Amino acid sequence: MQTYILLTKLSPELLQQMKKREQIGREWLDKVKEKCPDVKFKEHYALLGDYDFMDIYEAEGDESAAKVSMISQQHGALHATSMAAIPYKRFLELAEEI
């Protein structure tokens, strides 16, 4: 399983519905579980800055990660970016190989 980071920026319309945030988030997660059964979420953070949320998750590959981003946009994200993440120890091993 590959580790991914999802950075999400909510649309202004969705930001107006903060009291419904838990319900909207639950609906998003249910859709991800339905459409991407291989995805396993590890951590979820609210952020202060350019993005509103960060999720760390595992998926079998880039196609599942792309679906997670697309589902996020379908559920009101203005921007949703999934990036592959490599554990730091493995990164150091890769550096030694070059």
PDB file of N, CA and C in Angstrom:
ATOM      1  N   MET A   1       0.840  -1.183   0.000  1.00  0.00           N
ATOM      2  CA  MET A   1       0.000   0.000   0.000  1.00  0.00           C
ATOM      3  C   MET A   1       0.884   1.245   0.000  1.00  0.00           C
ATOM      4  N   GLN A   2       0.507   2.196  -0.797  1.00  0.00           N
ATOM      5  CA  GLN A   2       1.207   3.472  -0.896  1.00  0.00           C
ATOM      6  C   GLN A   2       0.558   4.484   0.055  1.00  0.00           C
ATOM      7  N   THR A   3       1.369   5.308   0.700  1.00  0.00           N
ATOM      8  CA  THR A   3       0.857   6.376   1.559  1.00  0.00           C
ATOM      9  C   THR A   3       0.659   7.639   0.730  1.00  0.00           C
ATOM     10  N   TYR A   4      -0.458   8.321   0.978  1.00  0.00           N
ATOM     11  CA  TYR A   4      -0.779   9.570   0.286  1.00  0.00           C
ATOM     12  C   TYR A   4      -1.174  10.630   1.303  1.00  0.00           C
ATOM     13  N   ILE A   5      -0.974  11.880   0.904  1.00  0.00           N
ATOM     14  CA  ILE A   5      -1.420  13.042   1.660  1.00  0.00           C
ATOM     15  C   ILE A   5      -2.464  13.747   0.805  1.00  0.00           C
ATOM     16  N   LEU A   6      -3.628  14.032   1.364  1.00  0.00           N
ATOM     17  CA  LEU A   6      -4.675  14.785   0.675  1.00  0.00           C
ATOM     18  C   LEU A   6      -4.774  16.156   1.331  1.00  0.00           C
ATOM     19  N   LEU A   7      -4.565  17.208   0.542  1.00  0.00           N
ATOM     20  CA  LEU A   7      -4.737  18.581   1.000  1.00  0.00           C
ATOM     21  C   LEU A   7      -6.006  19.124   0.361  1.00  0.00           C
ATOM     22  N   THR A   8      -6.906  19.648   1.185  1.00  0.00           N
ATOM     23  CA  THR A   8      -8.208  20.101   0.706  1.00  0.00           C
ATOM     24  C   THR A   8      -8.443  21.559   1.079  1.00  0.00           C
ATOM     25  N   LYS A   9      -8.894  22.319   0.102  1.00  0.00           N
ATOM     26  CA  LYS A   9      -9.338  23.706   0.303  1.00  0.00           C
ATOM     27  C   LYS A   9     -10.818  23.740  -0.025  1.00  0.00           C
ATOM     28  N   LEU A  10     -11.633  24.135   0.956  1.00  0.00           N
ATOM     29  CA  LEU A  10     -13.081  24.152   0.754  1.00  0.00           C
ATOM     30  C   LEU A  10     -13.505  25.349  -0.087  1.00  0.00           C
ATOM     31  N   SER A  11     -14.618  25.181  -0.787  1.00  0.00           N
ATOM     32  CA  SER A  11     -15.191  26.285  -1.555  1.00  0.00           C
ATOM     33  C   SER A  11     -15.782  27.314  -0.592  1.00  0.00           C
ATOM     34  N   PRO A  12     -15.891  28.572  -1.016  1.00  0.00           N
ATOM     35  CA  PRO A  12     -16.499  29.586  -0.145  1.00  0.00           C
ATOM     36  C   PRO A  12     -17.925  29.210   0.286  1.00  0.00           C
ATOM     37  N   GLU A  13     -18.666  28.569  -0.600  1.00  0.00           N
ATOM     38  CA  GLU A  13     -20.030  28.148  -0.257  1.00  0.00           C
ATOM     39  C   GLU A  13     -20.027  27.129   0.879  1.00  0.00           C
ATOM     40  N   LEU A  14     -19.100  26.204   0.817  1.00  0.00           N
ATOM     41  CA  LEU A  14     -19.022  25.174   1.858  1.00  0.00           C
ATOM     42  C   LEU A  14     -18.530  25.766   3.180  1.00  0.00           C
ATOM     43  N   LEU A  15     -17.674  26.770   3.094  1.00  0.00           N
ATOM     44  CA  LEU A  15     -17.201  27.429   4.314  1.00  0.00           C
ATOM     45  C   LEU A  15     -18.342  28.125   5.049  1.00  0.00           C
ATOM     46  N   GLN A  16     -19.394  28.488   4.328  1.00  0.00           N
ATOM     47  CA  GLN A  16     -20.558  29.130   4.944  1.00  0.00           C
ATOM     48  C   GLN A  16     -21.396  28.133   5.743  1.00  0.00           C
ATOM     49  N   GLN A  17     -21.110  26.832   5.580  1.00  0.00           N
ATOM     50  CA  GLN A  17     -21.892  25.781   6.230  1.00  0.00           C
ATOM     51  C   GLN A  17     -21.078  25.055   7.311  1.00  0.00           C
ATOM     52  N   MET A  18     -20.284  25.774   8.064  1.00  0.00           N
ATOM     53  CA  MET A  18     -19.400  25.138   9.039  1.00  0.00           C
ATOM     54  C   MET A  18     -20.156  24.329  10.091  1.00  0.00           C
ATOM     55  N   LYS A  19     -21.354  24.719  10.431  1.00  0.00           N
ATOM     56  CA  LYS A  19     -22.119  23.955  11.427  1.00  0.00           C
ATOM     57  C   LYS A  19     -22.538  22.593  10.882  1.00  0.00           C
ATOM     58  N   LYS A  20     -22.538  22.443   9.562  1.00  0.00           N
ATOM     59  CA  LYS A  20     -22.867  21.166   8.924  1.00  0.00           C
ATOM     60  C   LYS A  20     -21.601  20.398   8.550  1.00  0.00           C
ATOM     61  N   ARG A  21     -20.438  20.893   8.953  1.00  0.00           N
ATOM     62  CA  ARG A  21     -19.159  20.311   8.541  1.00  0.00           C
ATOM     63  C   ARG A  21     -19.054  18.829   8.880  1.00  0.00           C
ATOM     64  N   GLU A  22     -19.491  18.443  10.069  1.00  0.00           N
ATOM     65  CA  GLU A  22     -19.388  17.027  10.450  1.00  0.00           C
ATOM     66  C   GLU A  22     -20.238  16.155   9.533  1.00  0.00           C
ATOM     67  N   GLN A  23     -21.456  16.572   9.255  1.00  0.00           N
ATOM     68  CA  GLN A  23     -22.347  15.808   8.378  1.00  0.00           C
ATOM     69  C   GLN A  23     -21.784  15.735   6.957  1.00  0.00           C
ATOM     70  N   ILE A  24     -21.299  16.859   6.447  1.00  0.00           N
ATOM     71  CA  ILE A  24     -20.734  16.887   5.098  1.00  0.00           C
ATOM     72  C   ILE A  24     -19.501  16.000   5.023  1.00  0.00           C
ATOM     73  N   GLY A  25     -18.656  16.054   6.042  1.00  0.00           N
ATOM     74  CA  GLY A  25     -17.467  15.208   6.095  1.00  0.00           C
ATOM     75  C   GLY A  25     -17.812  13.729   6.155  1.00  0.00           C
ATOM     76  N   ARG A  26     -18.841  13.400   6.901  1.00  0.00           N
ATOM     77  CA  ARG A  26     -19.263  11.996   7.001  1.00  0.00           C
ATOM     78  C   ARG A  26     -19.779  11.485   5.656  1.00  0.00           C
ATOM     79  N   GLU A  27     -20.545  12.332   4.946  1.00  0.00           N
ATOM     80  CA  GLU A  27     -21.056  11.956   3.622  1.00  0.00           C
ATOM     81  C   GLU A  27     -19.896  11.741   2.654  1.00  0.00           C
ATOM     82  N   TRP A  28     -18.884  12.619   2.723  1.00  0.00           N
ATOM     83  CA  TRP A  28     -17.703  12.472   1.875  1.00  0.00           C
ATOM     84  C   TRP A  28     -16.988  11.154   2.174  1.00  0.00           C
ATOM     85  N   LEU A  29     -16.781  10.865   3.459  1.00  0.00           N
ATOM     86  CA  LEU A  29     -16.082   9.642   3.842  1.00  0.00           C
ATOM     87  C   LEU A  29     -16.859   8.401   3.417  1.00  0.00           C
ATOM     88  N   ASP A  30     -18.171   8.418   3.560  1.00  0.00           N
ATOM     89  CA  ASP A  30     -18.996   7.287   3.117  1.00  0.00           C
ATOM     90  C   ASP A  30     -18.843   7.048   1.617  1.00  0.00           C
ATOM     91  N   LYS A  31     -18.793   8.117   0.829  1.00  0.00           N
ATOM     92  CA  LYS A  31     -18.636   8.003  -0.624  1.00  0.00           C
ATOM     93  C   LYS A  31     -17.262   7.447  -0.970  1.00  0.00           C
ATOM     94  N   VAL A  32     -16.237   7.903  -0.263  1.00  0.00           N
ATOM     95  CA  VAL A  32     -14.883   7.380  -0.510  1.00  0.00           C
ATOM     96  C   VAL A  32     -14.844   5.891  -0.192  1.00  0.00           C
ATOM     97  N   LYS A  33     -15.419   5.494   0.935  1.00  0.00           N
ATOM     98  CA  LYS A  33     -15.419   4.070   1.305  1.00  0.00           C
ATOM     99  C   LYS A  33     -16.171   3.226   0.285  1.00  0.00           C
ATOM    100  N   GLU A  34     -17.251   3.780  -0.257  1.00  0.00           N
ATOM    101  CA  GLU A  34     -18.045   3.055  -1.264  1.00  0.00           C
ATOM    102  C   GLU A  34     -17.279   2.894  -2.576  1.00  0.00           C
ATOM    103  N   LYS A  35     -16.661   3.961  -3.041  1.00  0.00           N
ATOM    104  CA  LYS A  35     -16.017   3.966  -4.356  1.00  0.00           C
ATOM    105  C   LYS A  35     -14.556   3.519  -4.328  1.00  0.00           C
ATOM    106  N   CYS A  36     -13.935   3.551  -3.158  1.00  0.00           N
ATOM    107  CA  CYS A  36     -12.515   3.209  -3.024  1.00  0.00           C
ATOM    108  C   CYS A  36     -12.315   2.298  -1.820  1.00  0.00           C
ATOM    109  N   PRO A  37     -12.770   1.058  -1.893  1.00  0.00           N
ATOM    110  CA  PRO A  37     -12.691   0.187  -0.717  1.00  0.00           C
ATOM    111  C   PRO A  37     -11.269  -0.116  -0.259  1.00  0.00           C
ATOM    112  N   ASP A  38     -10.270   0.122  -1.111  1.00  0.00           N
ATOM    113  CA  ASP A  38      -8.884  -0.131  -0.719  1.00  0.00           C
ATOM    114  C   ASP A  38      -8.292   0.998   0.117  1.00  0.00           C
ATOM    115  N   VAL A  39      -8.947   2.147   0.181  1.00  0.00           N
ATOM    116  CA  VAL A  39      -8.406   3.311   0.880  1.00  0.00           C
ATOM    117  C   VAL A  39      -8.601   3.163   2.383  1.00  0.00           C
ATOM    118  N   LYS A  40      -7.521   3.374   3.128  1.00  0.00           N
ATOM    119  CA  LYS A  40      -7.537   3.307   4.590  1.00  0.00           C
ATOM    120  C   LYS A  40      -6.993   4.625   5.142  1.00  0.00           C
ATOM    121  N   PHE A  41      -7.851   5.390   5.828  1.00  0.00           N
ATOM    122  CA  PHE A  41      -7.442   6.670   6.391  1.00  0.00           C
ATOM    123  C   PHE A  41      -6.708   6.460   7.701  1.00  0.00           C
ATOM    124  N   LYS A  42      -5.612   7.200   7.872  1.00  0.00           N
ATOM    125  CA  LYS A  42      -4.776   7.097   9.064  1.00  0.00           C
ATOM    126  C   LYS A  42      -4.952   8.297   9.987  1.00  0.00           C
ATOM    127  N   GLU A  43      -4.960   9.510   9.430  1.00  0.00           N
ATOM    128  CA  GLU A  43      -5.034  10.741  10.232  1.00  0.00           C
ATOM    129  C   GLU A  43      -5.857  11.782   9.481  1.00  0.00           C
ATOM    130  N   HIS A  44      -6.508  12.669  10.237  1.00  0.00           N
ATOM    131  CA  HIS A  44      -7.283  13.768   9.659  1.00  0.00           C
ATOM    132  C   HIS A  44      -7.023  15.020  10.490  1.00  0.00           C
ATOM    133  N   TYR A  45      -6.626  16.094   9.825  1.00  0.00           N
ATOM    134  CA  TYR A  45      -6.297  17.333  10.522  1.00  0.00           C
ATOM    135  C   TYR A  45      -7.023  18.510   9.896  1.00  0.00           C
ATOM    136  N   ALA A  46      -7.479  19.436  10.729  1.00  0.00           N
ATOM    137  CA  ALA A  46      -7.918  20.750  10.271  1.00  0.00           C
ATOM    138  C   ALA A  46      -6.681  21.639  10.290  1.00  0.00           C
ATOM    139  N   LEU A  47      -6.528  22.485   9.272  1.00  0.00           N
ATOM    140  CA  LEU A  47      -5.324  23.292   9.134  1.00  0.00           C
ATOM    141  C   LEU A  47      -5.640  24.779   9.196  1.00  0.00           C
ATOM    142  N   LEU A  48      -4.657  25.533   9.586  1.00  0.00           N
ATOM    143  CA  LEU A  48      -4.703  26.990   9.515  1.00  0.00           C
ATOM    144  C   LEU A  48      -3.701  27.381   8.438  1.00  0.00           C
ATOM    145  N   GLY A  49      -4.175  27.932   7.344  1.00  0.00           N
ATOM    146  CA  GLY A  49      -3.253  28.299   6.268  1.00  0.00           C
ATOM    147  C   GLY A  49      -3.917  28.172   4.915  1.00  0.00           C
ATOM    148  N   ASP A  50      -3.127  27.813   3.920  1.00  0.00           N
ATOM    149  CA  ASP A  50      -3.615  27.750   2.547  1.00  0.00           C
ATOM    150  C   ASP A  50      -4.648  26.652   2.313  1.00  0.00           C
ATOM    151  N   TYR A  51      -4.598  25.601   3.097  1.00  0.00           N
ATOM    152  CA  TYR A  51      -5.552  24.498   2.970  1.00  0.00           C
ATOM    153  C   TYR A  51      -6.362  24.388   4.256  1.00  0.00           C
ATOM    154  N   ASP A  52      -7.555  23.808   4.136  1.00  0.00           N
ATOM    155  CA  ASP A  52      -8.436  23.664   5.294  1.00  0.00           C
ATOM    156  C   ASP A  52      -8.265  22.332   6.016  1.00  0.00           C
ATOM    157  N   PHE A  53      -7.958  21.268   5.250  1.00  0.00           N
ATOM    158  CA  PHE A  53      -7.826  19.935   5.847  1.00  0.00           C
ATOM    159  C   PHE A  53      -6.675  19.172   5.219  1.00  0.00           C
ATOM    160  N   MET A  54      -6.101  18.254   6.003  1.00  0.00           N
ATOM    161  CA  MET A  54      -5.089  17.335   5.518  1.00  0.00           C
ATOM    162  C   MET A  54      -5.449  15.940   6.014  1.00  0.00           C
ATOM    163  N   ASP A  55      -5.444  14.992   5.093  1.00  0.00           N
ATOM    164  CA  ASP A  55      -5.687  13.595   5.434  1.00  0.00           C
ATOM    165  C   ASP A  55      -4.485  12.778   5.008  1.00  0.00           C
ATOM    166  N   ILE A  56      -4.090  11.837   5.853  1.00  0.00           N
ATOM    167  CA  ILE A  56      -3.052  10.876   5.520  1.00  0.00           C
ATOM    168  C   ILE A  56      -3.762   9.537   5.349  1.00  0.00           C
ATOM    169  N   TYR A  57      -3.548   8.927   4.193  1.00  0.00           N
ATOM    170  CA  TYR A  57      -4.241   7.667   3.925  1.00  0.00           C
ATOM    171  C   TYR A  57      -3.367   6.741   3.094  1.00  0.00           C
ATOM    172  N   GLU A  58      -3.754   5.483   3.065  1.00  0.00           N
ATOM    173  CA  GLU A  58      -3.086   4.484   2.247  1.00  0.00           C
ATOM    174  C   GLU A  58      -4.053   4.017   1.173  1.00  0.00           C
ATOM    175  N   ALA A  59      -3.504   3.756  -0.012  1.00  0.00           N
ATOM    176  CA  ALA A  59      -4.301   3.246  -1.123  1.00  0.00           C
ATOM    177  C   ALA A  59      -3.423   2.327  -1.956  1.00  0.00           C
ATOM    178  N   GLU A  60      -4.064   1.534  -2.770  1.00  0.00           N
ATOM    179  CA  GLU A  60      -3.314   0.585  -3.588  1.00  0.00           C
ATOM    180  C   GLU A  60      -2.569   1.253  -4.738  1.00  0.00           C
ATOM    181  N   GLY A  61      -2.969   2.472  -5.109  1.00  0.00           N
ATOM    182  CA  GLY A  61      -2.251   3.116  -6.196  1.00  0.00           C
ATOM    183  C   GLY A  61      -2.817   4.476  -6.548  1.00  0.00           C
ATOM    184  N   ASP A  62      -2.227   5.040  -7.597  1.00  0.00           N
ATOM    185  CA  ASP A  62      -2.571   6.388  -8.013  1.00  0.00           C
ATOM    186  C   ASP A  62      -4.027   6.538  -8.455  1.00  0.00           C
ATOM    187  N   GLU A  63      -4.614   5.511  -9.030  1.00  0.00           N
ATOM    188  CA  GLU A  63      -5.997   5.628  -9.482  1.00  0.00           C
ATOM    189  C   GLU A  63      -6.954   5.814  -8.304  1.00  0.00           C
ATOM    190  N   SER A  64      -6.727   5.094  -7.230  1.00  0.00           N
ATOM    191  CA  SER A  64      -7.559   5.291  -6.032  1.00  0.00           C
ATOM    192  C   SER A  64      -7.328   6.675  -5.445  1.00  0.00           C
ATOM    193  N   ALA A  65      -6.087   7.138  -5.434  1.00  0.00           N
ATOM    194  CA  ALA A  65      -5.784   8.470  -4.927  1.00  0.00           C
ATOM    195  C   ALA A  65      -6.478   9.535  -5.776  1.00  0.00           C
ATOM    196  N   ALA A  66      -6.496   9.340  -7.076  1.00  0.00           N
ATOM    197  CA  ALA A  66      -7.186  10.281  -7.962  1.00  0.00           C
ATOM    198  C   ALA A  66      -8.680  10.312  -7.655  1.00  0.00           C
ATOM    199  N   LYS A  67      -9.259   9.146  -7.390  1.00  0.00           N
ATOM    200  CA  LYS A  67     -10.681   9.091  -7.036  1.00  0.00           C
ATOM    201  C   LYS A  67     -10.967   9.845  -5.746  1.00  0.00           C
ATOM    202  N   VAL A  68     -10.083   9.706  -4.761  1.00  0.00           N
ATOM    203  CA  VAL A  68     -10.268  10.422  -3.494  1.00  0.00           C
ATOM    204  C   VAL A  68     -10.307  11.925  -3.750  1.00  0.00           C
ATOM    205  N   SER A  69      -9.392  12.430  -4.569  1.00  0.00           N
ATOM    206  CA  SER A  69      -9.379  13.855  -4.899  1.00  0.00           C
ATOM    207  C   SER A  69     -10.644  14.261  -5.651  1.00  0.00           C
ATOM    208  N   MET A  70     -11.061  13.447  -6.609  1.00  0.00           N
ATOM    209  CA  MET A  70     -12.259  13.773  -7.389  1.00  0.00           C
ATOM    210  C   MET A  70     -13.516  13.767  -6.520  1.00  0.00           C
ATOM    211  N   ILE A  71     -13.623  12.810  -5.619  1.00  0.00           N
ATOM    212  CA  ILE A  71     -14.769  12.763  -4.706  1.00  0.00           C
ATOM    213  C   ILE A  71     -14.768  13.994  -3.805  1.00  0.00           C
ATOM    214  N   SER A  72     -13.589  14.424  -3.391  1.00  0.00           N
ATOM    215  CA  SER A  72     -13.478  15.631  -2.561  1.00  0.00           C
ATOM    216  C   SER A  72     -14.007  16.845  -3.314  1.00  0.00           C
ATOM    217  N   GLN A  73     -13.634  16.979  -4.577  1.00  0.00           N
ATOM    218  CA  GLN A  73     -14.111  18.095  -5.379  1.00  0.00           C
ATOM    219  C   GLN A  73     -15.617  17.994  -5.621  1.00  0.00           C
ATOM    220  N   GLN A  74     -16.097  16.791  -5.803  1.00  0.00           N
ATOM    221  CA  GLN A  74     -17.528  16.552  -5.984  1.00  0.00           C
ATOM    222  C   GLN A  74     -18.322  16.967  -4.746  1.00  0.00           C
ATOM    223  N   HIS A  75     -17.676  16.919  -3.580  1.00  0.00           N
ATOM    224  CA  HIS A  75     -18.336  17.252  -2.314  1.00  0.00           C
ATOM    225  C   HIS A  75     -17.960  18.640  -1.803  1.00  0.00           C
ATOM    226  N   GLY A  76     -17.583  19.542  -2.707  1.00  0.00           N
ATOM    227  CA  GLY A  76     -17.423  20.933  -2.326  1.00  0.00           C
ATOM    228  C   GLY A  76     -16.024  21.464  -2.138  1.00  0.00           C
ATOM    229  N   ALA A  77     -15.019  20.653  -2.411  1.00  0.00           N
ATOM    230  CA  ALA A  77     -13.650  21.162  -2.300  1.00  0.00           C
ATOM    231  C   ALA A  77     -13.329  22.034  -3.511  1.00  0.00           C
ATOM    232  N   LEU A  78     -12.764  23.182  -3.259  1.00  0.00           N
ATOM    233  CA  LEU A  78     -12.301  24.050  -4.333  1.00  0.00           C
ATOM    234  C   LEU A  78     -11.035  23.459  -4.951  1.00  0.00           C
ATOM    235  N   HIS A  79     -10.158  22.958  -4.087  1.00  0.00           N
ATOM    236  CA  HIS A  79      -8.927  22.279  -4.496  1.00  0.00           C
ATOM    237  C   HIS A  79      -8.789  21.008  -3.663  1.00  0.00           C
ATOM    238  N   ALA A  80      -8.362  19.943  -4.298  1.00  0.00           N
ATOM    239  CA  ALA A  80      -8.068  18.694  -3.596  1.00  0.00           C
ATOM    240  C   ALA A  80      -6.848  18.074  -4.269  1.00  0.00           C
ATOM    241  N   THR A  81      -5.769  17.968  -3.531  1.00  0.00           N
ATOM    242  CA  THR A  81      -4.512  17.479  -4.069  1.00  0.00           C
ATOM    243  C   THR A  81      -4.074  16.256  -3.289  1.00  0.00           C
ATOM    244  N   SER A  82      -3.867  15.147  -3.999  1.00  0.00           N
ATOM    245  CA  SER A  82      -3.305  13.949  -3.381  1.00  0.00           C
ATOM    246  C   SER A  82      -1.862  13.802  -3.834  1.00  0.00           C
ATOM    247  N   MET A  83      -0.981  13.589  -2.873  1.00  0.00           N
ATOM    248  CA  MET A  83       0.434  13.432  -3.170  1.00  0.00           C
ATOM    249  C   MET A  83       0.949  12.145  -2.540  1.00  0.00           C
ATOM    250  N   ALA A  84       1.784  11.439  -3.290  1.00  0.00           N
ATOM    251  CA  ALA A  84       2.416  10.250  -2.737  1.00  0.00           C
ATOM    252  C   ALA A  84       3.428  10.673  -1.675  1.00  0.00           C
ATOM    253  N   ALA A  85       3.507   9.913  -0.605  1.00  0.00           N
ATOM    254  CA  ALA A  85       4.436  10.193   0.483  1.00  0.00           C
ATOM    255  C   ALA A  85       5.323   8.974   0.713  1.00  0.00           C
ATOM    256  N   ILE A  86       6.596   9.234   0.932  1.00  0.00           N
ATOM    257  CA  ILE A  86       7.570   8.161   1.178  1.00  0.00           C
ATOM    258  C   ILE A  86       8.069   8.310   2.610  1.00  0.00           C
ATOM    259  N   PRO A  87       8.062   7.230   3.392  1.00  0.00           N
ATOM    260  CA  PRO A  87       8.613   7.330   4.750  1.00  0.00           C
ATOM    261  C   PRO A  87      10.059   7.853   4.697  1.00  0.00           C
ATOM    262  N   TYR A  88      10.410   8.676   5.665  1.00  0.00           N
ATOM    263  CA  TYR A  88      11.724   9.313   5.666  1.00  0.00           C
ATOM    264  C   TYR A  88      12.865   8.299   5.626  1.00  0.00           C
ATOM    265  N   LYS A  89      12.741   7.211   6.361  1.00  0.00           N
ATOM    266  CA  LYS A  89      13.798   6.191   6.369  1.00  0.00           C
ATOM    267  C   LYS A  89      14.006   5.631   4.960  1.00  0.00           C
ATOM    268  N   ARG A  90      12.901   5.379   4.248  1.00  0.00           N
ATOM    269  CA  ARG A  90      13.008   4.866   2.876  1.00  0.00           C
ATOM    270  C   ARG A  90      13.620   5.928   1.963  1.00  0.00           C
ATOM    271  N   PHE A  91      13.267   7.187   2.183  1.00  0.00           N
ATOM    272  CA  PHE A  91      13.847   8.285   1.415  1.00  0.00           C
ATOM    273  C   PHE A  91      15.373   8.286   1.549  1.00  0.00           C
ATOM    274  N   LEU A  92      15.862   8.104   2.784  1.00  0.00           N
ATOM    275  CA  LEU A  92      17.303   8.064   3.013  1.00  0.00           C
ATOM    276  C   LEU A  92      17.938   6.878   2.297  1.00  0.00           C
ATOM    277  N   GLU A  93      17.247   5.729   2.288  1.00  0.00           N
ATOM    278  CA  GLU A  93      17.756   4.554   1.577  1.00  0.00           C
ATOM    279  C   GLU A  93      17.844   4.842   0.073  1.00  0.00           C
ATOM    280  N   LEU A  94      16.832   5.495  -0.467  1.00  0.00           N
ATOM    281  CA  LEU A  94      16.845   5.848  -1.882  1.00  0.00           C
ATOM    282  C   LEU A  94      17.994   6.792  -2.201  1.00  0.00           C
ATOM    283  N   ALA A  95      18.256   7.728  -1.297  1.00  0.00           N
ATOM    284  CA  ALA A  95      19.354   8.677  -1.493  1.00  0.00           C
ATOM    285  C   ALA A  95      20.690   7.943  -1.550  1.00  0.00           C
ATOM    286  N   GLU A  96      20.839   6.908  -0.744  1.00  0.00           N
ATOM    287  CA  GLU A  96      22.075   6.127  -0.750  1.00  0.00           C
ATOM    288  C   GLU A  96      22.247   5.392  -2.077  1.00  0.00           C
ATOM    289  N   GLU A  97      21.148   5.038  -2.741  1.00  0.00           N
ATOM    290  CA  GLU A  97      21.208   4.298  -4.005  1.00  0.00           C
ATOM    291  C   GLU A  97      21.643   5.179  -5.166  1.00  0.00           C
ATOM    292  N   ILE A  98      21.559   6.467  -5.002  1.00  0.00           N
ATOM    293  CA  ILE A  98      21.988   7.326  -6.114  1.00  0.00           C
ATOM    294  C   ILE A  98      23.331   7.899  -5.782  1.00  0.00           C
TER     295      ILE A  98
END
